[in-house]
Amino acid sequence: MGMNREEDPQLWDLLGRSKGAAPSPFFSRNVVRAVRAEIPERDGLSGWFNLRRLVPAFSAAAAVAIAVFTFQVLHHQVSPRRGSITVEVQDPEVAADLDLLASNDDDDDTSLL
């Protein structure tokens, strides 16, 4: 339901001669100033606790924790070599005898009897 030029020619003539509305040259600056005035800036410690900073920090911490946990689990799954026994001997003669026995492990054991 629009208006036709024939309905009110004087109104259309007046509208044709009117100057169009133009924004102020400082319009964008004023809009940015109004937006900044509405959003308070967070200084100090409370400024650090927002999602833009917390999500990457927690993601990095989780990645490090997973890497450390995985390394620990894989490191402890490796069992020591079979047959190797660590014994702390206080007597040097016994230690020498144990070294002799360990070196003769692949030899025939009948010579020890």
C-alpha atoms as a PDB file:
ATOM      1  CA  MET A   1       0.000   0.000   0.000  1.00  0.00           C
ATOM      2  CA  GLY A   2       2.342   2.683  -1.256  1.00  0.00           C
ATOM      3  CA  MET A   3       1.629   6.295  -2.032  1.00  0.00           C
ATOM      4  CA  ASN A   4       1.311   7.400  -5.617  1.00  0.00           C
ATOM      5  CA  ARG A   5       2.757  10.649  -6.863  1.00  0.00           C
ATOM      6  CA  GLU A   6      -0.663  11.574  -8.197  1.00  0.00           C
ATOM      7  CA  GLU A   7      -2.282  11.429  -4.733  1.00  0.00           C
ATOM      8  CA  ASP A   8      -0.358  14.358  -3.236  1.00  0.00           C
ATOM      9  CA  PRO A   9       1.922  16.140  -5.732  1.00  0.00           C
ATOM     10  CA  GLN A  10       2.780  18.966  -3.316  1.00  0.00           C
ATOM     11  CA  LEU A  11       4.139  16.505  -0.735  1.00  0.00           C
ATOM     12  CA  TRP A  12       6.290  14.783  -3.347  1.00  0.00           C
ATOM     13  CA  ASP A  13       7.622  18.116  -4.572  1.00  0.00           C
ATOM     14  CA  LEU A  14       8.493  19.073  -1.002  1.00  0.00           C
ATOM     15  CA  LEU A  15      10.202  15.720  -0.394  1.00  0.00           C
ATOM     16  CA  GLY A  16      12.166  16.095  -3.621  1.00  0.00           C
ATOM     17  CA  ARG A  17      13.509  19.495  -2.547  1.00  0.00           C
ATOM     18  CA  SER A  18      14.422  18.419   0.979  1.00  0.00           C
ATOM     19  CA  LYS A  19      18.023  17.770   1.902  1.00  0.00           C
ATOM     20  CA  GLY A  20      18.782  14.134   2.833  1.00  0.00           C
ATOM     21  CA  ALA A  21      20.020  13.293   6.297  1.00  0.00           C
ATOM     22  CA  ALA A  22      23.781  12.819   6.433  1.00  0.00           C
ATOM     23  CA  PRO A  23      25.609  11.282   9.383  1.00  0.00           C
ATOM     24  CA  SER A  24      28.024  13.378  11.353  1.00  0.00           C
ATOM     25  CA  PRO A  25      31.691  13.000  10.378  1.00  0.00           C
ATOM     26  CA  PHE A  26      32.346  11.873  13.966  1.00  0.00           C
ATOM     27  CA  PHE A  27      29.481   9.359  14.040  1.00  0.00           C
ATOM     28  CA  SER A  28      31.659   6.222  14.228  1.00  0.00           C
ATOM     29  CA  ARG A  29      33.896   7.772  16.898  1.00  0.00           C
ATOM     30  CA  ASN A  30      30.862   8.662  19.001  1.00  0.00           C
ATOM     31  CA  VAL A  31      29.407   5.151  18.650  1.00  0.00           C
ATOM     32  CA  VAL A  32      32.684   3.527  19.730  1.00  0.00           C
ATOM     33  CA  ARG A  33      32.930   5.906  22.692  1.00  0.00           C
ATOM     34  CA  ALA A  34      29.379   5.022  23.778  1.00  0.00           C
ATOM     35  CA  VAL A  35      30.088   1.284  23.531  1.00  0.00           C
ATOM     36  CA  ARG A  36      33.287   1.613  25.547  1.00  0.00           C
ATOM     37  CA  ALA A  37      31.464   3.582  28.203  1.00  0.00           C
ATOM     38  CA  GLU A  38      28.924   0.770  28.617  1.00  0.00           C
ATOM     39  CA  ILE A  39      31.484  -2.046  28.936  1.00  0.00           C
ATOM     40  CA  PRO A  40      33.633  -1.553  32.027  1.00  0.00           C
ATOM     41  CA  GLU A  41      37.281  -2.512  31.597  1.00  0.00           C
ATOM     42  CA  ARG A  42      38.545  -5.100  34.000  1.00  0.00           C
ATOM     43  CA  ASP A  43      41.899  -4.246  35.406  1.00  0.00           C
ATOM     44  CA  GLY A  44      43.996  -6.288  37.734  1.00  0.00           C
ATOM     45  CA  LEU A  45      43.359  -9.873  38.685  1.00  0.00           C
ATOM     46  CA  SER A  46      39.693 -10.014  37.640  1.00  0.00           C
ATOM     47  CA  GLY A  47      40.667  -9.093  34.062  1.00  0.00           C
ATOM     48  CA  TRP A  48      42.608 -12.329  33.718  1.00  0.00           C
ATOM     49  CA  PHE A  49      39.648 -14.560  34.540  1.00  0.00           C
ATOM     50  CA  ASN A  50      37.708 -14.528  31.289  1.00  0.00           C
ATOM     51  CA  LEU A  51      37.124 -17.299  28.761  1.00  0.00           C
ATOM     52  CA  ARG A  52      39.427 -15.780  26.149  1.00  0.00           C
ATOM     53  CA  ARG A  53      42.381 -16.397  28.430  1.00  0.00           C
ATOM     54  CA  LEU A  54      41.252 -19.375  30.491  1.00  0.00           C
ATOM     55  CA  VAL A  55      40.389 -21.782  27.665  1.00  0.00           C
ATOM     56  CA  PRO A  56      43.856 -21.746  26.038  1.00  0.00           C
ATOM     57  CA  ALA A  57      45.578 -21.884  29.433  1.00  0.00           C
ATOM     58  CA  PHE A  58      43.569 -24.896  30.603  1.00  0.00           C
ATOM     59  CA  SER A  59      43.994 -26.586  27.212  1.00  0.00           C
ATOM     60  CA  ALA A  60      47.768 -26.224  27.409  1.00  0.00           C
ATOM     61  CA  ALA A  61      47.815 -27.467  31.009  1.00  0.00           C
ATOM     62  CA  ALA A  62      45.684 -30.484  30.059  1.00  0.00           C
ATOM     63  CA  ALA A  63      47.977 -31.312  27.129  1.00  0.00           C
ATOM     64  CA  VAL A  64      51.048 -31.190  29.383  1.00  0.00           C
ATOM     65  CA  ALA A  65      49.324 -33.332  32.031  1.00  0.00           C
ATOM     66  CA  ILE A  66      48.312 -35.931  29.432  1.00  0.00           C
ATOM     67  CA  ALA A  67      51.847 -36.015  28.012  1.00  0.00           C
ATOM     68  CA  VAL A  68      53.406 -36.464  31.459  1.00  0.00           C
ATOM     69  CA  PHE A  69      50.888 -39.148  32.440  1.00  0.00           C
ATOM     70  CA  THR A  70      51.434 -41.020  29.165  1.00  0.00           C
ATOM     71  CA  PHE A  71      55.206 -40.861  29.582  1.00  0.00           C
ATOM     72  CA  GLN A  72      54.960 -42.159  33.151  1.00  0.00           C
ATOM     73  CA  VAL A  73      52.670 -45.049  32.171  1.00  0.00           C
ATOM     74  CA  LEU A  74      54.812 -46.075  29.201  1.00  0.00           C
ATOM     75  CA  HIS A  75      58.020 -45.715  31.200  1.00  0.00           C
ATOM     76  CA  HIS A  76      56.783 -47.981  34.006  1.00  0.00           C
ATOM     77  CA  GLN A  77      55.456 -50.642  31.626  1.00  0.00           C
ATOM     78  CA  VAL A  78      58.966 -51.463  30.453  1.00  0.00           C
ATOM     79  CA  SER A  79      60.031 -54.299  32.715  1.00  0.00           C
ATOM     80  CA  PRO A  80      63.659 -54.913  33.616  1.00  0.00           C
ATOM     81  CA  ARG A  81      65.583 -57.582  31.705  1.00  0.00           C
ATOM     82  CA  ARG A  82      64.820 -61.106  32.840  1.00  0.00           C
ATOM     83  CA  GLY A  83      67.461 -62.748  34.902  1.00  0.00           C
ATOM     84  CA  SER A  84      69.119 -59.567  36.027  1.00  0.00           C
ATOM     85  CA  ILE A  85      69.098 -59.207  39.761  1.00  0.00           C
ATOM     86  CA  THR A  86      70.572 -56.309  41.608  1.00  0.00           C
ATOM     87  CA  VAL A  87      72.056 -57.365  44.909  1.00  0.00           C
ATOM     88  CA  GLU A  88      73.943 -55.152  47.282  1.00  0.00           C
ATOM     89  CA  VAL A  89      76.636 -57.278  48.906  1.00  0.00           C
ATOM     90  CA  GLN A  90      78.644 -56.034  51.843  1.00  0.00           C
ATOM     91  CA  ASP A  91      81.298 -58.795  51.834  1.00  0.00           C
ATOM     92  CA  PRO A  92      83.884 -58.423  49.009  1.00  0.00           C
ATOM     93  CA  GLU A  93      84.599 -62.184  48.881  1.00  0.00           C
ATOM     94  CA  VAL A  94      80.926 -62.977  48.387  1.00  0.00           C
ATOM     95  CA  ALA A  95      80.725 -60.283  45.715  1.00  0.00           C
ATOM     96  CA  ALA A  96      83.652 -61.849  43.851  1.00  0.00           C
ATOM     97  CA  ASP A  97      82.016 -65.285  44.045  1.00  0.00           C
ATOM     98  CA  LEU A  98      78.741 -63.841  42.745  1.00  0.00           C
ATOM     99  CA  ASP A  99      80.561 -62.153  39.850  1.00  0.00           C
ATOM    100  CA  LEU A 100      82.217 -65.499  39.017  1.00  0.00           C
ATOM    101  CA  LEU A 101      78.855 -67.246  39.069  1.00  0.00           C
ATOM    102  CA  ALA A 102      77.280 -64.571  36.898  1.00  0.00           C
ATOM    103  CA  SER A 103      80.079 -64.722  34.337  1.00  0.00           C
ATOM    104  CA  ASN A 104      79.814 -68.518  34.111  1.00  0.00           C
ATOM    105  CA  ASP A 105      76.062 -68.381  33.518  1.00  0.00           C
ATOM    106  CA  ASP A 106      76.279 -69.662  29.945  1.00  0.00           C
ATOM    107  CA  ASP A 107      78.893 -72.305  30.729  1.00  0.00           C
ATOM    108  CA  ASP A 108      78.246 -75.769  31.934  1.00  0.00           C
ATOM    109  CA  ASP A 109      77.119 -75.809  35.578  1.00  0.00           C
ATOM    110  CA  THR A 110      78.715 -79.198  36.374  1.00  0.00           C
ATOM    111  CA  SER A 111      82.081 -77.568  36.998  1.00  0.00           C
ATOM    112  CA  LEU A 112      80.666 -75.762  40.012  1.00  0.00           C
ATOM    113  CA  LEU A 113      79.676 -78.964  41.779  1.00  0.00           C
END
